[in-house]
């Protein structure tokens, strides 16, 4: 889809200087995609802020508890077992 946008003069000059002519549209599209993804992630993080409550997760209360929780999870998945043994 064709879209016309205005860029600040210094940004347009840098774009012309650094990106070859037949690659500019793709460069701009990828930059816009990255920024849109960043905005979406930021919005999701803001929406989920406060969802984690330490009181809801006593199994992760401190370092040793976290280590135990990880070890138990790995044991259930049998991560410590070599394949084919």
C-alpha atoms as a PDB file:
ATOM      1  CA  UNK A   1       0.000   0.000   0.000  1.00  0.00           C
ATOM      2  CA  UNK A   2       1.330   3.411  -0.851  1.00  0.00           C
ATOM      3  CA  UNK A   3       1.521   5.906   2.005  1.00  0.00           C
ATOM      4  CA  UNK A   4       2.869   9.433   1.867  1.00  0.00           C
ATOM      5  CA  UNK A   5       4.589  10.722   4.977  1.00  0.00           C
ATOM      6  CA  UNK A   6       6.559  13.830   5.802  1.00  0.00           C
ATOM      7  CA  UNK A   7       9.934  13.361   7.451  1.00  0.00           C
ATOM      8  CA  UNK A   8      12.058  15.970   9.169  1.00  0.00           C
ATOM      9  CA  UNK A   9      14.737  17.206   6.746  1.00  0.00           C
ATOM     10  CA  UNK A  10      17.621  15.746   8.754  1.00  0.00           C
ATOM     11  CA  UNK A  11      15.940  12.319   8.919  1.00  0.00           C
ATOM     12  CA  UNK A  12      15.245  12.356   5.167  1.00  0.00           C
ATOM     13  CA  UNK A  13      18.869  13.336   4.447  1.00  0.00           C
ATOM     14  CA  UNK A  14      20.196  10.547   6.676  1.00  0.00           C
ATOM     15  CA  UNK A  15      17.865   8.063   4.997  1.00  0.00           C
ATOM     16  CA  UNK A  16      19.102   9.115   1.544  1.00  0.00           C
ATOM     17  CA  UNK A  17      22.731   9.037   2.680  1.00  0.00           C
ATOM     18  CA  UNK A  18      22.644   5.684   4.436  1.00  0.00           C
ATOM     19  CA  UNK A  19      20.057   3.539   2.637  1.00  0.00           C
ATOM     20  CA  UNK A  20      20.343   2.736  -1.074  1.00  0.00           C
ATOM     21  CA  UNK A  21      17.440   4.041  -3.212  1.00  0.00           C
ATOM     22  CA  UNK A  22      15.755   0.707  -3.959  1.00  0.00           C
ATOM     23  CA  UNK A  23      15.914  -0.382  -0.323  1.00  0.00           C
ATOM     24  CA  UNK A  24      14.336   2.641   1.358  1.00  0.00           C
ATOM     25  CA  UNK A  25      10.698   1.498   1.296  1.00  0.00           C
ATOM     26  CA  UNK A  26      11.635  -1.843   2.859  1.00  0.00           C
ATOM     27  CA  UNK A  27      13.861  -0.096   5.407  1.00  0.00           C
ATOM     28  CA  UNK A  28      11.047   2.254   6.418  1.00  0.00           C
ATOM     29  CA  UNK A  29       8.480  -0.580   6.579  1.00  0.00           C
ATOM     30  CA  UNK A  30      10.757  -2.656   8.830  1.00  0.00           C
ATOM     31  CA  UNK A  31      11.458   0.326  11.087  1.00  0.00           C
ATOM     32  CA  UNK A  32       7.744   1.068  11.420  1.00  0.00           C
ATOM     33  CA  UNK A  33       7.016  -2.614  12.134  1.00  0.00           C
ATOM     34  CA  UNK A  34       9.639  -2.683  14.907  1.00  0.00           C
ATOM     35  CA  UNK A  35       8.255   0.466  16.481  1.00  0.00           C
ATOM     36  CA  UNK A  36       4.665  -0.819  16.316  1.00  0.00           C
ATOM     37  CA  UNK A  37       5.750  -4.078  17.995  1.00  0.00           C
ATOM     38  CA  UNK A  38       7.531  -2.076  20.700  1.00  0.00           C
ATOM     39  CA  UNK A  39       4.397  -0.005  21.317  1.00  0.00           C
ATOM     40  CA  UNK A  40       2.272  -3.178  21.508  1.00  0.00           C
ATOM     41  CA  UNK A  41       4.640  -4.797  24.010  1.00  0.00           C
ATOM     42  CA  UNK A  42       4.728  -1.620  26.079  1.00  0.00           C
ATOM     43  CA  UNK A  43       0.911  -1.500  26.127  1.00  0.00           C
ATOM     44  CA  UNK A  44       0.722  -5.178  27.156  1.00  0.00           C
ATOM     45  CA  UNK A  45       3.215  -4.582  29.960  1.00  0.00           C
ATOM     46  CA  UNK A  46       1.251  -1.591  31.197  1.00  0.00           C
ATOM     47  CA  UNK A  47      -2.012  -3.561  31.048  1.00  0.00           C
ATOM     48  CA  UNK A  48      -0.527  -6.412  33.060  1.00  0.00           C
ATOM     49  CA  UNK A  49       1.227  -4.253  35.657  1.00  0.00           C
ATOM     50  CA  UNK A  50       0.327  -5.437  39.131  1.00  0.00           C
ATOM     51  CA  UNK A  51      -0.956  -8.817  37.952  1.00  0.00           C
ATOM     52  CA  UNK A  52       1.812 -10.633  39.875  1.00  0.00           C
ATOM     53  CA  UNK A  53       1.348 -10.705  43.617  1.00  0.00           C
ATOM     54  CA  UNK A  54       4.136 -12.200  45.730  1.00  0.00           C
ATOM     55  CA  UNK A  55       1.550 -13.542  48.180  1.00  0.00           C
ATOM     56  CA  UNK A  56       0.089 -15.687  45.360  1.00  0.00           C
ATOM     57  CA  UNK A  57       3.457 -17.407  44.779  1.00  0.00           C
ATOM     58  CA  UNK A  58       5.019 -18.528  48.079  1.00  0.00           C
ATOM     59  CA  UNK A  59       6.959 -21.189  46.145  1.00  0.00           C
ATOM     60  CA  UNK A  60       9.070 -18.326  44.753  1.00  0.00           C
ATOM     61  CA  UNK A  61       9.606 -16.448  48.019  1.00  0.00           C
ATOM     62  CA  UNK A  62      13.414 -16.519  48.038  1.00  0.00           C
ATOM     63  CA  UNK A  63      16.466 -17.901  46.242  1.00  0.00           C
ATOM     64  CA  UNK A  64      16.404 -21.402  47.741  1.00  0.00           C
ATOM     65  CA  UNK A  65      12.645 -21.677  47.132  1.00  0.00           C
ATOM     66  CA  UNK A  66      13.115 -20.649  43.498  1.00  0.00           C
ATOM     67  CA  UNK A  67      15.947 -23.185  43.066  1.00  0.00           C
ATOM     68  CA  UNK A  68      13.702 -25.906  44.532  1.00  0.00           C
ATOM     69  CA  UNK A  69      10.809 -24.927  42.242  1.00  0.00           C
ATOM     70  CA  UNK A  70      13.077 -25.064  39.166  1.00  0.00           C
ATOM     71  CA  UNK A  71      14.573 -28.428  40.209  1.00  0.00           C
ATOM     72  CA  UNK A  72      11.101 -29.911  40.752  1.00  0.00           C
ATOM     73  CA  UNK A  73       9.920 -28.680  37.359  1.00  0.00           C
ATOM     74  CA  UNK A  74      12.969 -30.086  35.612  1.00  0.00           C
ATOM     75  CA  UNK A  75      12.545 -33.411  37.412  1.00  0.00           C
ATOM     76  CA  UNK A  76       8.943 -33.616  36.164  1.00  0.00           C
ATOM     77  CA  UNK A  77      10.200 -32.979  32.625  1.00  0.00           C
ATOM     78  CA  UNK A  78      13.118 -35.362  33.148  1.00  0.00           C
ATOM     79  CA  UNK A  79      15.617 -32.759  31.888  1.00  0.00           C
ATOM     80  CA  UNK A  80      18.363 -34.441  33.840  1.00  0.00           C
ATOM     81  CA  UNK A  81      17.878 -37.714  31.983  1.00  0.00           C
ATOM     82  CA  UNK A  82      19.986 -38.447  28.907  1.00  0.00           C
ATOM     83  CA  UNK A  83      17.936 -39.376  25.855  1.00  0.00           C
ATOM     84  CA  UNK A  84      17.832 -43.060  25.074  1.00  0.00           C
ATOM     85  CA  UNK A  85      18.944 -44.105  28.536  1.00  0.00           C
END
